[in-house]
Amino acid sequence: AGEWGRFGITTNALCPGYIDTEINHHHWNTEGGQKLIDMLPRKRVGQPKDLDALVGMLCSAQSDFINGAIISADDGMAAA
């Protein structure tokens, strides 16, 4: 962020939690997948659309002062 910010480039990190995707969709119905879900604060796996608003905001001019941020979008898993 410090290196690229002087060029007007913002550098942020989006740290998603467990997100249901084509690659892992089958896993959530297994015993191991259910154990992971049971450990989550709200007992649910995220959907890709759950990240849309945050990604949209970070790509918009509304976030031009956000630089060097590490943003967790994990339904509270990191705080648990």
N, C-alpha and C. Protein backbone atom coordinates (compact mmCIF):
# COMPACT_ATOMS: atom_id res chain seq x y z
N ALA A 1 0.82 -1.19 0.00
CA ALA A 1 0.00 0.00 0.00
C ALA A 1 0.87 1.25 0.00
N GLY A 2 1.92 1.23 0.81
CA GLY A 2 2.80 2.38 0.87
C GLY A 2 3.58 2.59 -0.42
N GLU A 3 3.98 1.50 -1.04
CA GLU A 3 4.77 1.58 -2.26
C GLU A 3 3.94 2.03 -3.46
N TRP A 4 2.73 1.51 -3.62
CA TRP A 4 1.91 1.80 -4.78
C TRP A 4 0.96 2.97 -4.57
N GLY A 5 0.66 3.31 -3.35
CA GLY A 5 -0.25 4.41 -3.06
C GLY A 5 0.19 5.73 -3.68
N ARG A 6 1.47 5.96 -3.72
CA ARG A 6 1.96 7.22 -4.30
C ARG A 6 1.67 7.35 -5.79
N PHE A 7 1.32 6.22 -6.42
CA PHE A 7 0.93 6.23 -7.83
C PHE A 7 -0.59 6.23 -8.00
N GLY A 8 -1.30 6.40 -6.91
CA GLY A 8 -2.75 6.40 -6.97
C GLY A 8 -3.38 5.01 -7.01
N ILE A 9 -2.59 4.01 -6.69
CA ILE A 9 -3.07 2.62 -6.71
C ILE A 9 -3.33 2.18 -5.27
N THR A 10 -4.55 1.77 -5.01
CA THR A 10 -4.86 1.27 -3.68
C THR A 10 -4.61 -0.23 -3.63
N THR A 11 -4.14 -0.68 -2.49
CA THR A 11 -3.81 -2.08 -2.29
C THR A 11 -4.49 -2.56 -1.02
N ASN A 12 -5.48 -3.40 -1.18
CA ASN A 12 -6.23 -3.92 -0.05
C ASN A 12 -6.33 -5.44 -0.17
N ALA A 13 -6.61 -6.10 0.93
CA ALA A 13 -6.77 -7.55 0.93
C ALA A 13 -8.16 -7.91 1.41
N LEU A 14 -8.83 -8.74 0.65
CA LEU A 14 -10.12 -9.29 1.04
C LEU A 14 -9.88 -10.72 1.49
N CYS A 15 -10.22 -11.02 2.72
CA CYS A 15 -9.99 -12.34 3.29
C CYS A 15 -11.33 -13.03 3.54
N PRO A 16 -11.81 -13.78 2.56
CA PRO A 16 -13.11 -14.42 2.73
C PRO A 16 -12.99 -15.66 3.61
N GLY A 17 -14.09 -15.99 4.23
CA GLY A 17 -14.17 -17.23 5.00
C GLY A 17 -14.55 -18.36 4.06
N TYR A 18 -15.24 -19.34 4.59
CA TYR A 18 -15.67 -20.48 3.78
C TYR A 18 -16.78 -20.04 2.84
N ILE A 19 -16.51 -20.19 1.54
CA ILE A 19 -17.45 -19.80 0.50
C ILE A 19 -17.78 -21.04 -0.34
N ASP A 20 -19.05 -21.27 -0.58
CA ASP A 20 -19.52 -22.38 -1.39
C ASP A 20 -19.22 -22.09 -2.86
N THR A 21 -18.45 -22.95 -3.49
CA THR A 21 -18.09 -22.77 -4.89
C THR A 21 -18.33 -24.08 -5.65
N GLU A 22 -18.18 -24.05 -6.94
CA GLU A 22 -18.30 -25.27 -7.75
C GLU A 22 -17.29 -26.32 -7.32
N ILE A 23 -16.12 -25.87 -6.91
CA ILE A 23 -15.04 -26.80 -6.54
C ILE A 23 -15.33 -27.51 -5.22
N ASN A 24 -15.89 -26.80 -4.25
CA ASN A 24 -16.06 -27.40 -2.92
C ASN A 24 -17.51 -27.69 -2.54
N HIS A 25 -18.45 -27.46 -3.43
CA HIS A 25 -19.87 -27.59 -3.11
C HIS A 25 -20.21 -28.97 -2.51
N HIS A 26 -19.66 -30.01 -3.07
CA HIS A 26 -19.95 -31.36 -2.59
C HIS A 26 -19.45 -31.59 -1.15
N HIS A 27 -18.42 -30.87 -0.77
CA HIS A 27 -17.79 -31.08 0.55
C HIS A 27 -18.72 -30.73 1.71
N TRP A 28 -19.58 -29.74 1.54
CA TRP A 28 -20.40 -29.28 2.67
C TRP A 28 -21.43 -30.31 3.11
N ASN A 29 -21.70 -31.31 2.28
CA ASN A 29 -22.64 -32.37 2.66
C ASN A 29 -21.94 -33.59 3.26
N THR A 30 -20.63 -33.54 3.38
CA THR A 30 -19.89 -34.66 3.98
C THR A 30 -19.81 -34.46 5.50
N GLU A 31 -19.36 -35.49 6.19
CA GLU A 31 -19.21 -35.39 7.64
C GLU A 31 -18.18 -34.30 8.00
N GLY A 32 -17.09 -34.26 7.28
CA GLY A 32 -16.07 -33.23 7.53
C GLY A 32 -16.59 -31.83 7.25
N GLY A 33 -17.36 -31.70 6.17
CA GLY A 33 -17.94 -30.40 5.83
C GLY A 33 -18.91 -29.94 6.89
N GLN A 34 -19.73 -30.84 7.39
CA GLN A 34 -20.68 -30.49 8.44
C GLN A 34 -19.97 -30.08 9.73
N LYS A 35 -18.85 -30.71 10.03
CA LYS A 35 -18.07 -30.33 11.22
C LYS A 35 -17.57 -28.89 11.07
N LEU A 36 -17.10 -28.54 9.88
CA LEU A 36 -16.64 -27.16 9.64
C LEU A 36 -17.80 -26.18 9.79
N ILE A 37 -18.93 -26.51 9.21
CA ILE A 37 -20.10 -25.63 9.30
C ILE A 37 -20.52 -25.45 10.76
N ASP A 38 -20.46 -26.50 11.54
CA ASP A 38 -20.84 -26.42 12.95
C ASP A 38 -19.90 -25.51 13.75
N MET A 39 -18.68 -25.30 13.27
CA MET A 39 -17.72 -24.42 13.94
C MET A 39 -17.95 -22.95 13.61
N LEU A 40 -18.70 -22.68 12.56
CA LEU A 40 -18.93 -21.30 12.12
C LEU A 40 -19.91 -20.60 13.06
N PRO A 41 -19.71 -19.31 13.30
CA PRO A 41 -20.57 -18.58 14.23
C PRO A 41 -22.06 -18.68 13.92
N ARG A 42 -22.43 -18.58 12.64
CA ARG A 42 -23.86 -18.64 12.30
C ARG A 42 -24.21 -19.92 11.57
N LYS A 43 -23.30 -20.89 11.63
CA LYS A 43 -23.55 -22.25 11.09
C LYS A 43 -23.97 -22.24 9.63
N ARG A 44 -23.30 -21.40 8.84
CA ARG A 44 -23.61 -21.38 7.41
C ARG A 44 -22.35 -21.05 6.62
N VAL A 45 -22.32 -21.59 5.42
CA VAL A 45 -21.23 -21.31 4.48
C VAL A 45 -21.66 -20.12 3.63
N GLY A 46 -20.72 -19.26 3.34
CA GLY A 46 -21.03 -18.09 2.52
C GLY A 46 -21.26 -18.45 1.07
N GLN A 47 -21.91 -17.56 0.38
CA GLN A 47 -22.14 -17.68 -1.06
C GLN A 47 -21.30 -16.60 -1.75
N PRO A 48 -20.88 -16.83 -2.98
CA PRO A 48 -20.10 -15.79 -3.67
C PRO A 48 -20.78 -14.43 -3.63
N LYS A 49 -22.10 -14.39 -3.73
CA LYS A 49 -22.82 -13.11 -3.71
C LYS A 49 -22.64 -12.36 -2.39
N ASP A 50 -22.26 -13.09 -1.32
CA ASP A 50 -22.03 -12.44 -0.04
C ASP A 50 -20.82 -11.50 -0.07
N LEU A 51 -19.99 -11.63 -1.07
CA LEU A 51 -18.81 -10.79 -1.21
C LEU A 51 -19.03 -9.63 -2.18
N ASP A 52 -20.12 -9.68 -2.93
CA ASP A 52 -20.36 -8.71 -4.00
C ASP A 52 -20.31 -7.25 -3.53
N ALA A 53 -21.01 -6.93 -2.46
CA ALA A 53 -21.07 -5.54 -2.02
C ALA A 53 -19.70 -5.03 -1.61
N LEU A 54 -18.94 -5.86 -0.91
CA LEU A 54 -17.61 -5.44 -0.47
C LEU A 54 -16.66 -5.25 -1.66
N VAL A 55 -16.67 -6.19 -2.58
CA VAL A 55 -15.82 -6.07 -3.77
C VAL A 55 -16.23 -4.85 -4.59
N GLY A 56 -17.53 -4.66 -4.75
CA GLY A 56 -18.01 -3.50 -5.49
C GLY A 56 -17.58 -2.20 -4.86
N MET A 57 -17.67 -2.13 -3.53
CA MET A 57 -17.25 -0.92 -2.83
C MET A 57 -15.74 -0.68 -3.00
N LEU A 58 -14.94 -1.74 -2.87
CA LEU A 58 -13.50 -1.57 -3.01
C LEU A 58 -13.09 -1.18 -4.43
N CYS A 59 -13.90 -1.53 -5.41
CA CYS A 59 -13.60 -1.18 -6.81
C CYS A 59 -14.15 0.20 -7.19
N SER A 60 -14.91 0.80 -6.31
CA SER A 60 -15.54 2.07 -6.64
C SER A 60 -14.73 3.25 -6.13
N ALA A 61 -15.08 4.41 -6.62
CA ALA A 61 -14.43 5.64 -6.18
C ALA A 61 -14.75 5.95 -4.71
N GLN A 62 -15.80 5.35 -4.17
CA GLN A 62 -16.16 5.58 -2.78
C GLN A 62 -15.10 5.07 -1.81
N SER A 63 -14.23 4.20 -2.28
CA SER A 63 -13.20 3.65 -1.40
C SER A 63 -11.81 4.23 -1.67
N ASP A 64 -11.76 5.39 -2.32
CA ASP A 64 -10.45 5.92 -2.71
C ASP A 64 -9.54 6.27 -1.54
N PHE A 65 -10.06 6.33 -0.31
CA PHE A 65 -9.23 6.61 0.86
C PHE A 65 -8.90 5.33 1.63
N ILE A 66 -9.41 4.20 1.17
CA ILE A 66 -9.11 2.92 1.80
C ILE A 66 -7.88 2.34 1.11
N ASN A 67 -6.80 2.23 1.83
CA ASN A 67 -5.55 1.73 1.27
C ASN A 67 -4.80 0.99 2.36
N GLY A 68 -4.37 -0.22 2.05
CA GLY A 68 -3.64 -1.02 3.02
C GLY A 68 -4.53 -1.75 4.00
N ALA A 69 -5.81 -1.86 3.67
CA ALA A 69 -6.76 -2.52 4.57
C ALA A 69 -6.76 -4.03 4.36
N ILE A 70 -6.91 -4.75 5.45
CA ILE A 70 -7.11 -6.19 5.42
C ILE A 70 -8.51 -6.41 5.96
N ILE A 71 -9.42 -6.82 5.08
CA ILE A 71 -10.83 -6.89 5.43
C ILE A 71 -11.28 -8.35 5.43
N SER A 72 -11.71 -8.81 6.59
CA SER A 72 -12.25 -10.16 6.71
C SER A 72 -13.73 -10.15 6.37
N ALA A 73 -14.13 -11.04 5.49
CA ALA A 73 -15.54 -11.24 5.17
C ALA A 73 -15.79 -12.73 5.42
N ASP A 74 -15.84 -13.08 6.72
CA ASP A 74 -15.87 -14.48 7.10
C ASP A 74 -16.99 -14.82 8.08
N ASP A 75 -18.00 -13.96 8.15
CA ASP A 75 -19.16 -14.17 9.02
C ASP A 75 -18.78 -14.25 10.50
N GLY A 76 -17.64 -13.66 10.85
CA GLY A 76 -17.23 -13.63 12.25
C GLY A 76 -16.28 -14.73 12.65
N MET A 77 -15.86 -15.58 11.71
CA MET A 77 -14.97 -16.71 12.04
C MET A 77 -13.66 -16.25 12.66
N ALA A 78 -13.07 -15.19 12.14
CA ALA A 78 -11.78 -14.74 12.66
C ALA A 78 -11.89 -14.22 14.09
N ALA A 79 -13.05 -13.72 14.45
CA ALA A 79 -13.26 -13.19 15.79
C ALA A 79 -13.67 -14.27 16.79
N ALA A 80 -14.06 -15.42 16.27
CA ALA A 80 -14.56 -16.48 17.15
C ALA A 80 -13.43 -17.16 17.90
